[in-house]
Structure formats: C-alpha cells, structure tokens
Amino acid sequence: MPEISEPSPQTRTTLFKLQARQCRFIVSDDQSKALFCGGETQEGSSWCPWHRRLVYTRSPMAGPSAGKHPG
C-alpha cells in the first residue's frame, strides 16, 4: 500500500471558504468555529486520502468474501 502523507495545516479552511475538491473532514475541536482539512480530494470523495483512510476502516473479520451472499 503506498504511503499517504498527512495534509498540510496550511490548507485548513472554514465552511464558507471550502471549494470543490477540498477535504470536508473537521479538524478543529472548537465547535463554535469548525475548521475543515481543505486538502485535495480525489474524484467522488469528500475527504483527502489521509482522512478517507480514517473514515473508511475495514473490519478485522472482513475477508475477501466479506459482504457477499452465499449463493
């Protein structure tokens, strides 16, 4: 699996400044002013590769046939 680097803190932005293809992962703890990652996303994703890896995790019990119905 290729190494994925953490996005730069310089890309962080507010909701009103977010643009297309910017990561929507909230990186701030302050609920009164949410800051979003703002890193570059891949086509069809709301998160940069770094945060997508955090959001989508695979179950430890999932194997190659996970999610398939016997048939």
N, C-alpha and C. Protein backbone atom coordinates (compact mmCIF):
# COMPACT_ATOMS: atom_id res chain seq x y z
N MET A 1 0.86 -1.17 0.00
CA MET A 1 0.00 0.00 0.00
C MET A 1 0.90 1.24 0.00
N PRO A 2 0.65 2.21 -0.88
CA PRO A 2 1.51 3.39 -0.94
C PRO A 2 1.37 4.26 0.30
N GLU A 3 2.45 4.93 0.63
CA GLU A 3 2.46 5.84 1.78
C GLU A 3 1.59 7.06 1.49
N ILE A 4 0.73 7.42 2.43
CA ILE A 4 -0.14 8.59 2.30
C ILE A 4 0.31 9.61 3.32
N SER A 5 0.64 10.81 2.86
CA SER A 5 1.12 11.83 3.80
C SER A 5 -0.04 12.68 4.32
N GLU A 6 0.14 13.12 5.55
CA GLU A 6 -0.87 13.97 6.20
C GLU A 6 -0.93 15.33 5.51
N PRO A 7 -2.14 15.86 5.28
CA PRO A 7 -2.25 17.16 4.61
C PRO A 7 -1.66 18.29 5.46
N SER A 8 -1.21 19.32 4.78
CA SER A 8 -0.62 20.47 5.46
C SER A 8 -1.68 21.25 6.24
N PRO A 9 -1.34 21.71 7.43
CA PRO A 9 -2.27 22.57 8.19
C PRO A 9 -2.58 23.88 7.46
N GLN A 10 -1.77 24.24 6.49
CA GLN A 10 -1.99 25.48 5.75
C GLN A 10 -3.22 25.42 4.86
N THR A 11 -3.73 24.22 4.59
CA THR A 11 -4.92 24.10 3.73
C THR A 11 -6.21 24.22 4.52
N ARG A 12 -6.13 24.28 5.84
CA ARG A 12 -7.34 24.33 6.66
C ARG A 12 -8.16 25.57 6.33
N THR A 13 -9.48 25.39 6.39
CA THR A 13 -10.38 26.47 5.99
C THR A 13 -11.72 26.34 6.70
N THR A 14 -12.53 27.37 6.60
CA THR A 14 -13.86 27.36 7.21
C THR A 14 -14.89 26.85 6.20
N LEU A 15 -16.06 26.56 6.68
CA LEU A 15 -17.14 26.05 5.83
C LEU A 15 -17.44 26.98 4.67
N PHE A 16 -17.47 28.26 4.92
CA PHE A 16 -17.84 29.22 3.88
C PHE A 16 -16.75 29.44 2.84
N LYS A 17 -15.53 29.02 3.15
CA LYS A 17 -14.43 29.17 2.19
C LYS A 17 -14.09 27.86 1.47
N LEU A 18 -14.72 26.75 1.86
CA LEU A 18 -14.47 25.47 1.20
C LEU A 18 -14.83 25.57 -0.28
N GLN A 19 -14.01 24.96 -1.11
CA GLN A 19 -14.27 24.92 -2.54
C GLN A 19 -14.38 23.47 -3.00
N ALA A 20 -14.73 23.30 -4.26
CA ALA A 20 -14.82 21.95 -4.83
C ALA A 20 -13.46 21.26 -4.69
N ARG A 21 -13.50 19.97 -4.44
CA ARG A 21 -12.32 19.12 -4.33
C ARG A 21 -11.43 19.47 -3.13
N GLN A 22 -12.06 20.01 -2.06
CA GLN A 22 -11.35 20.23 -0.80
C GLN A 22 -11.95 19.33 0.27
N CYS A 23 -11.10 18.75 1.10
CA CYS A 23 -11.49 17.79 2.13
C CYS A 23 -12.43 18.42 3.15
N ARG A 24 -13.54 17.72 3.42
CA ARG A 24 -14.55 18.20 4.36
C ARG A 24 -14.39 17.62 5.77
N PHE A 25 -13.28 17.00 6.07
CA PHE A 25 -13.05 16.43 7.39
C PHE A 25 -12.81 17.57 8.38
N ILE A 26 -13.56 17.59 9.48
CA ILE A 26 -13.42 18.63 10.50
C ILE A 26 -12.21 18.31 11.37
N VAL A 27 -11.27 19.25 11.44
CA VAL A 27 -10.03 19.03 12.17
C VAL A 27 -9.94 19.84 13.46
N SER A 28 -10.93 20.69 13.74
CA SER A 28 -10.88 21.52 14.95
C SER A 28 -11.73 20.92 16.06
N ASP A 29 -11.37 21.25 17.27
CA ASP A 29 -12.15 20.83 18.43
C ASP A 29 -13.15 21.90 18.84
N ASP A 30 -12.95 23.11 18.37
CA ASP A 30 -13.80 24.25 18.72
C ASP A 30 -15.10 24.19 17.91
N GLN A 31 -16.21 23.90 18.57
CA GLN A 31 -17.49 23.76 17.88
C GLN A 31 -18.05 25.09 17.40
N SER A 32 -17.57 26.20 17.96
CA SER A 32 -18.10 27.50 17.54
C SER A 32 -17.49 27.95 16.21
N LYS A 33 -16.34 27.40 15.85
CA LYS A 33 -15.70 27.73 14.57
C LYS A 33 -15.04 26.47 14.01
N ALA A 34 -15.79 25.68 13.29
CA ALA A 34 -15.27 24.45 12.73
C ALA A 34 -14.26 24.75 11.63
N LEU A 35 -13.12 24.09 11.69
CA LEU A 35 -12.13 24.17 10.63
C LEU A 35 -12.09 22.84 9.89
N PHE A 36 -12.06 22.92 8.59
CA PHE A 36 -12.02 21.73 7.75
C PHE A 36 -10.61 21.54 7.22
N CYS A 37 -10.24 20.31 6.93
CA CYS A 37 -8.91 19.98 6.43
C CYS A 37 -8.55 20.81 5.21
N GLY A 38 -9.38 20.80 4.18
CA GLY A 38 -9.12 21.58 2.98
C GLY A 38 -8.13 20.97 2.02
N GLY A 39 -7.57 19.80 2.36
CA GLY A 39 -6.64 19.13 1.45
C GLY A 39 -7.33 18.68 0.17
N GLU A 40 -6.56 18.37 -0.84
CA GLU A 40 -7.12 17.98 -2.13
C GLU A 40 -7.76 16.59 -2.06
N THR A 41 -8.96 16.49 -2.61
CA THR A 41 -9.68 15.20 -2.63
C THR A 41 -9.57 14.55 -4.00
N GLN A 42 -9.85 13.27 -4.03
CA GLN A 42 -9.93 12.55 -5.29
C GLN A 42 -11.35 12.64 -5.82
N GLU A 43 -11.52 12.44 -7.09
CA GLU A 43 -12.84 12.49 -7.73
C GLU A 43 -13.82 11.58 -6.98
N GLY A 44 -14.99 12.12 -6.63
CA GLY A 44 -16.04 11.33 -5.99
C GLY A 44 -15.90 11.15 -4.50
N SER A 45 -14.94 11.83 -3.87
CA SER A 45 -14.74 11.69 -2.43
C SER A 45 -14.87 13.05 -1.74
N SER A 46 -15.35 13.04 -0.51
CA SER A 46 -15.45 14.26 0.28
C SER A 46 -14.22 14.46 1.15
N TRP A 47 -13.32 13.47 1.17
CA TRP A 47 -12.15 13.53 2.03
C TRP A 47 -10.87 13.32 1.24
N CYS A 48 -9.79 13.93 1.72
CA CYS A 48 -8.47 13.70 1.13
C CYS A 48 -8.08 12.25 1.44
N PRO A 49 -7.08 11.70 0.76
CA PRO A 49 -6.70 10.30 1.02
C PRO A 49 -6.36 10.02 2.48
N TRP A 50 -5.73 10.97 3.17
CA TRP A 50 -5.36 10.78 4.59
C TRP A 50 -6.62 10.58 5.45
N HIS A 51 -7.60 11.46 5.32
CA HIS A 51 -8.81 11.38 6.15
C HIS A 51 -9.76 10.29 5.65
N ARG A 52 -9.75 10.00 4.38
CA ARG A 52 -10.57 8.89 3.85
C ARG A 52 -10.15 7.58 4.51
N ARG A 53 -8.84 7.41 4.71
CA ARG A 53 -8.33 6.20 5.36
C ARG A 53 -8.82 6.12 6.81
N LEU A 54 -9.00 7.28 7.47
CA LEU A 54 -9.51 7.28 8.84
C LEU A 54 -11.01 7.00 8.89
N VAL A 55 -11.74 7.52 7.90
CA VAL A 55 -13.19 7.40 7.88
C VAL A 55 -13.63 5.99 7.49
N TYR A 56 -13.01 5.44 6.46
CA TYR A 56 -13.36 4.09 5.99
C TYR A 56 -12.36 3.09 6.52
N THR A 57 -12.80 2.30 7.48
CA THR A 57 -11.94 1.26 8.02
C THR A 57 -12.54 -0.09 7.70
N ARG A 58 -11.70 -1.06 7.58
CA ARG A 58 -12.13 -2.41 7.29
C ARG A 58 -12.25 -3.19 8.57
N SER A 59 -13.29 -3.96 8.68
CA SER A 59 -13.48 -4.80 9.85
C SER A 59 -12.37 -5.83 9.91
N PRO A 60 -11.82 -6.10 11.11
CA PRO A 60 -10.77 -7.10 11.22
C PRO A 60 -11.27 -8.49 10.79
N MET A 61 -12.57 -8.72 10.85
CA MET A 61 -13.13 -10.01 10.49
C MET A 61 -13.44 -10.09 8.99
N ALA A 62 -13.33 -8.96 8.30
CA ALA A 62 -13.65 -8.94 6.86
C ALA A 62 -12.55 -9.62 6.09
N GLY A 63 -12.96 -10.51 5.26
CA GLY A 63 -12.02 -11.21 4.38
C GLY A 63 -12.37 -10.91 2.94
N PRO A 64 -11.80 -11.62 2.01
CA PRO A 64 -12.07 -11.38 0.60
C PRO A 64 -13.54 -11.57 0.22
N SER A 65 -14.27 -12.38 0.98
CA SER A 65 -15.66 -12.64 0.64
C SER A 65 -16.63 -11.84 1.51
N ALA A 66 -16.12 -10.89 2.30
CA ALA A 66 -16.99 -10.10 3.17
C ALA A 66 -18.02 -9.33 2.34
N GLY A 67 -19.26 -9.38 2.77
CA GLY A 67 -20.32 -8.67 2.09
C GLY A 67 -20.98 -9.45 0.97
N LYS A 68 -20.44 -10.63 0.65
CA LYS A 68 -21.03 -11.45 -0.42
C LYS A 68 -22.03 -12.42 0.20
N HIS A 69 -23.12 -12.62 -0.51
CA HIS A 69 -24.14 -13.56 -0.05
C HIS A 69 -23.85 -14.94 -0.63
N PRO A 70 -24.04 -15.98 0.17
CA PRO A 70 -23.83 -17.32 -0.38
C PRO A 70 -24.85 -17.60 -1.48
N GLY A 71 -24.39 -18.24 -2.46
CA GLY A 71 -25.35 -18.37 -3.44
C GLY A 71 -25.44 -19.28 -4.47
